[in-house]
Amino acid sequence: MQTSTNITWHDSEVTKEQRQERNGHKSVIIWFTGLSGSGKSTISVALEKALFDRNMSSYRLDGDNVRHGLNQNLGFSPEDRKENIRRIGEVGKLMVDAGVITMTAFISPYEEDRTDVRNILDDGEFIEVYTKCSVDECENRDPKGLYKKARSGEIKGFTGINAPYEEPTNPEIVLDTEVESVESSVDKILSYLEEHKYL
């Protein structure tokens, strides 16, 4: 890949801290990771609404939505998955700088890629939320019919069936979505944000 040359970073006269102060809360990436069907999108949608209802500046980046635009040129090879997550990490970093609480809902199956995103942010600006759910239960839910397609051979390299998912080793929050409701999951995240002085 060709890289840009002759470029200079231009600082703003408005700082991230000033934006956070005006918004009345810290900015952070809340990074949902988990298998397809584990509840990432559903919970992130509910969390975004809960934050909005509290007058918090927030935005949600969803895996499928981002592939309609920014990442429409990427497939699902390991290399493309890595680039997909790298781009989202960079967009998330910009949104944190803008003072926004940013939720991302991506399978993001590789620990290394999630760690790379964490490392481009300042300490405390990346909250990893693992939507823990067994392959069996995700396949039973199969909201998009993807597991069925993967089992029939229509989809190659599908995470959890014929491509790996590396569970987070030390996530800030674990949601057992086989037993926890959407409402209790959102409450758990809000409690974490309050306890750690993000809100």
Protein backbone atom coordinates (compact mmCIF):
# COMPACT_ATOMS: atom_id res chain seq x y z
CA MET A 1 0.00 0.00 0.00
CA GLN A 2 1.32 3.42 -0.96
CA THR A 3 1.65 5.78 1.97
CA SER A 4 1.21 9.54 1.98
CA THR A 5 4.30 11.74 2.01
CA ASN A 6 4.84 15.44 2.54
CA ILE A 7 2.05 15.68 5.09
CA THR A 8 1.98 17.68 8.32
CA TRP A 9 -0.30 17.31 11.33
CA HIS A 10 -2.22 20.53 12.04
CA ASP A 11 -3.21 21.07 15.66
CA SER A 12 -6.55 22.55 16.62
CA GLU A 13 -7.03 25.45 19.00
CA VAL A 14 -9.76 23.41 20.70
CA THR A 15 -8.60 20.48 22.81
CA LYS A 16 -10.24 17.15 23.47
CA GLU A 17 -10.45 18.10 27.13
CA GLN A 18 -12.30 21.33 26.29
CA ARG A 19 -14.79 19.39 24.20
CA GLN A 20 -15.31 16.90 27.01
CA GLU A 21 -15.84 19.72 29.49
CA ARG A 22 -18.45 21.35 27.26
CA ASN A 23 -20.22 17.99 26.76
CA GLY A 24 -20.17 17.25 30.48
CA HIS A 25 -18.62 13.79 30.10
CA LYS A 26 -15.44 12.05 29.01
CA SER A 27 -15.10 10.61 25.53
CA VAL A 28 -14.29 6.96 25.00
CA ILE A 29 -14.64 4.04 22.60
CA ILE A 30 -16.91 1.30 23.92
CA TRP A 31 -15.74 -1.59 21.75
CA PHE A 32 -18.26 -4.45 21.49
CA THR A 33 -16.73 -7.72 20.33
CA GLY A 34 -18.29 -11.14 20.00
CA LEU A 35 -19.65 -13.69 17.57
CA SER A 36 -22.28 -12.86 14.98
CA GLY A 37 -25.63 -13.01 16.77
CA SER A 38 -24.15 -12.49 20.24
CA GLY A 39 -25.94 -9.19 20.78
CA LYS A 40 -23.33 -6.57 19.90
CA SER A 41 -25.51 -4.44 17.63
CA THR A 42 -28.68 -4.86 19.68
CA ILE A 43 -27.01 -3.79 22.93
CA SER A 44 -25.04 -0.97 21.31
CA VAL A 45 -28.27 0.44 19.80
CA ALA A 46 -29.95 0.35 23.21
CA LEU A 47 -26.91 1.90 24.90
CA GLU A 48 -26.74 4.69 22.33
CA LYS A 49 -30.40 5.52 23.02
CA ALA A 50 -29.86 5.41 26.79
CA LEU A 51 -26.92 7.82 26.50
CA PHE A 52 -28.87 10.09 24.15
CA ASP A 53 -31.74 10.17 26.63
CA ARG A 54 -29.23 11.38 29.24
CA ASN A 55 -28.13 14.19 26.88
CA MET A 56 -24.75 12.58 26.28
CA SER A 57 -22.93 13.14 23.00
CA SER A 58 -22.69 9.65 21.54
CA TYR A 59 -22.50 7.81 18.23
CA ARG A 60 -22.55 4.18 17.13
CA LEU A 61 -20.37 2.60 14.45
CA ASP A 62 -21.87 -0.72 13.37
CA GLY A 63 -19.98 -3.34 11.37
CA ASP A 64 -22.55 -3.79 8.61
CA ASN A 65 -23.27 -0.06 8.36
CA VAL A 66 -19.61 0.86 7.98
CA ARG A 67 -19.19 -1.73 5.21
CA HIS A 68 -21.89 0.09 3.23
CA GLY A 69 -19.61 3.11 2.91
CA LEU A 70 -16.17 3.62 4.43
CA ASN A 71 -15.16 -0.04 4.16
CA GLN A 72 -17.21 -1.16 1.18
CA ASN A 73 -14.03 -2.14 -0.67
CA LEU A 74 -13.07 -4.73 1.98
CA GLY A 75 -13.96 -8.41 2.08
CA PHE A 76 -13.61 -10.90 4.91
CA SER A 77 -10.10 -12.28 4.42
CA PRO A 78 -7.86 -12.01 7.49
CA GLU A 79 -6.05 -9.10 5.81
CA ASP A 80 -9.29 -7.26 5.02
CA ARG A 81 -10.65 -7.91 8.50
CA LYS A 82 -7.47 -6.39 9.95
CA GLU A 83 -7.80 -3.31 7.73
CA ASN A 84 -11.50 -3.03 8.59
CA ILE A 85 -10.68 -2.86 12.29
CA ARG A 86 -7.71 -0.52 11.75
CA ARG A 87 -9.91 1.98 9.91
CA ILE A 88 -12.63 1.81 12.54
CA GLY A 89 -10.03 2.34 15.24
CA GLU A 90 -8.80 5.47 13.49
CA VAL A 91 -12.35 6.80 13.02
CA GLY A 92 -13.07 6.00 16.67
CA LYS A 93 -9.96 7.88 17.74
CA LEU A 94 -11.15 10.96 15.81
CA MET A 95 -14.54 10.72 17.49
CA VAL A 96 -12.93 10.46 20.92
CA ASP A 97 -10.94 13.58 20.07
CA ALA A 98 -14.26 15.23 19.14
CA GLY A 99 -15.50 14.51 22.68
CA VAL A 100 -17.98 11.79 21.70
CA ILE A 101 -18.80 8.53 23.48
CA THR A 102 -18.39 6.11 20.57
CA MET A 103 -19.79 2.60 20.44
CA THR A 104 -18.44 0.11 17.91
CA ALA A 105 -20.11 -3.21 17.16
CA PHE A 106 -17.73 -5.44 15.20
CA ILE A 107 -16.98 -9.14 15.48
CA SER A 108 -13.29 -8.10 15.48
CA PRO A 109 -12.20 -11.73 15.90
CA TYR A 110 -8.48 -11.18 16.44
CA GLU A 111 -7.04 -10.13 19.80
CA GLU A 112 -4.07 -8.46 18.12
CA ASP A 113 -6.30 -6.15 16.08
CA ARG A 114 -8.33 -5.10 19.12
CA THR A 115 -5.10 -4.48 21.04
CA ASP A 116 -3.77 -2.36 18.16
CA VAL A 117 -6.84 -0.11 18.45
CA ARG A 118 -6.45 0.13 22.23
CA ASN A 119 -2.83 1.16 21.74
CA ILE A 120 -3.59 4.15 19.50
CA LEU A 121 -5.76 5.68 22.22
CA ASP A 122 -4.84 7.26 25.52
CA ASP A 123 -5.21 5.22 28.71
CA GLY A 124 -8.83 4.73 29.69
CA GLU A 125 -10.22 5.63 26.25
CA PHE A 126 -10.92 2.04 25.16
CA ILE A 127 -13.50 -0.07 26.97
CA GLU A 128 -13.69 -3.60 25.60
CA VAL A 129 -17.12 -5.19 26.01
CA TYR A 130 -17.26 -8.91 25.30
CA THR A 131 -20.74 -10.11 24.36
CA LYS A 132 -20.15 -13.68 25.44
CA CYS A 133 -22.42 -16.21 23.79
CA SER A 134 -21.80 -19.79 22.65
CA VAL A 135 -21.66 -20.65 18.97
CA ASP A 136 -24.63 -22.97 19.55
CA GLU A 137 -26.80 -20.17 20.92
CA CYS A 138 -25.66 -17.67 18.27
CA GLU A 139 -26.44 -20.26 15.60
CA ASN A 140 -29.81 -20.92 17.21
CA ARG A 141 -30.61 -17.17 17.04
CA ASP A 142 -29.04 -16.65 13.57
CA PRO A 143 -30.82 -13.28 13.06
CA LYS A 144 -29.32 -12.74 9.60
CA GLY A 145 -29.33 -16.37 8.45
CA LEU A 146 -25.54 -16.30 8.20
CA TYR A 147 -24.82 -19.48 10.16
CA LYS A 148 -27.16 -21.41 7.90
CA LYS A 149 -25.33 -20.05 4.86
CA ALA A 150 -21.96 -20.86 6.43
CA ARG A 151 -23.04 -24.44 7.19
CA SER A 152 -24.25 -24.90 3.60
CA GLY A 153 -20.97 -23.60 2.19
CA GLU A 154 -22.39 -20.34 0.82
CA ILE A 155 -20.17 -18.29 3.14
CA LYS A 156 -16.49 -19.15 3.47
CA GLY A 157 -14.36 -18.07 6.43
CA PHE A 158 -17.29 -17.41 8.73
CA THR A 159 -16.24 -16.62 12.29
CA GLY A 160 -17.11 -19.39 14.73
CA ILE A 161 -17.75 -21.97 12.02
CA ASN A 162 -14.73 -22.10 9.74
CA ALA A 163 -12.74 -19.07 10.91
CA PRO A 164 -11.42 -18.39 14.41
CA TYR A 165 -12.72 -16.06 17.10
CA GLU A 166 -10.18 -15.15 19.77
CA GLU A 167 -11.97 -14.36 23.02
CA PRO A 168 -10.78 -11.23 24.84
CA THR A 169 -8.24 -12.07 27.51
CA ASN A 170 -8.97 -9.12 29.79
CA PRO A 171 -12.06 -7.14 28.72
CA GLU A 172 -13.33 -4.33 30.91
CA ILE A 173 -16.87 -5.71 30.72
CA VAL A 174 -18.23 -9.20 30.00
CA LEU A 175 -21.90 -9.56 29.12
CA ASP A 176 -23.20 -13.12 29.20
CA THR A 177 -25.90 -12.54 26.63
CA GLU A 178 -27.27 -16.06 26.98
CA VAL A 179 -28.64 -15.08 30.40
CA GLU A 180 -28.43 -11.26 30.63
CA SER A 181 -31.18 -9.21 28.99
CA VAL A 182 -30.51 -6.21 26.78
CA GLU A 183 -31.75 -3.93 29.56
CA SER A 184 -29.51 -5.45 32.24
CA SER A 185 -26.56 -5.36 29.83
CA VAL A 186 -27.09 -1.65 29.20
CA ASP A 187 -27.44 -1.01 32.93
CA LYS A 188 -24.18 -2.87 33.55
CA ILE A 189 -22.33 -0.68 31.05
CA LEU A 190 -23.87 2.54 32.39
CA SER A 191 -22.88 1.53 35.93
CA TYR A 192 -19.30 0.94 34.74
CA LEU A 193 -19.23 4.37 33.06
CA GLU A 194 -20.54 6.04 36.20
CA GLU A 195 -18.22 4.17 38.57
CA HIS A 196 -15.18 5.06 36.44
CA LYS A 197 -16.22 8.72 36.12
CA TYR A 198 -16.86 8.76 32.37
CA LEU A 199 -20.32 10.23 32.93
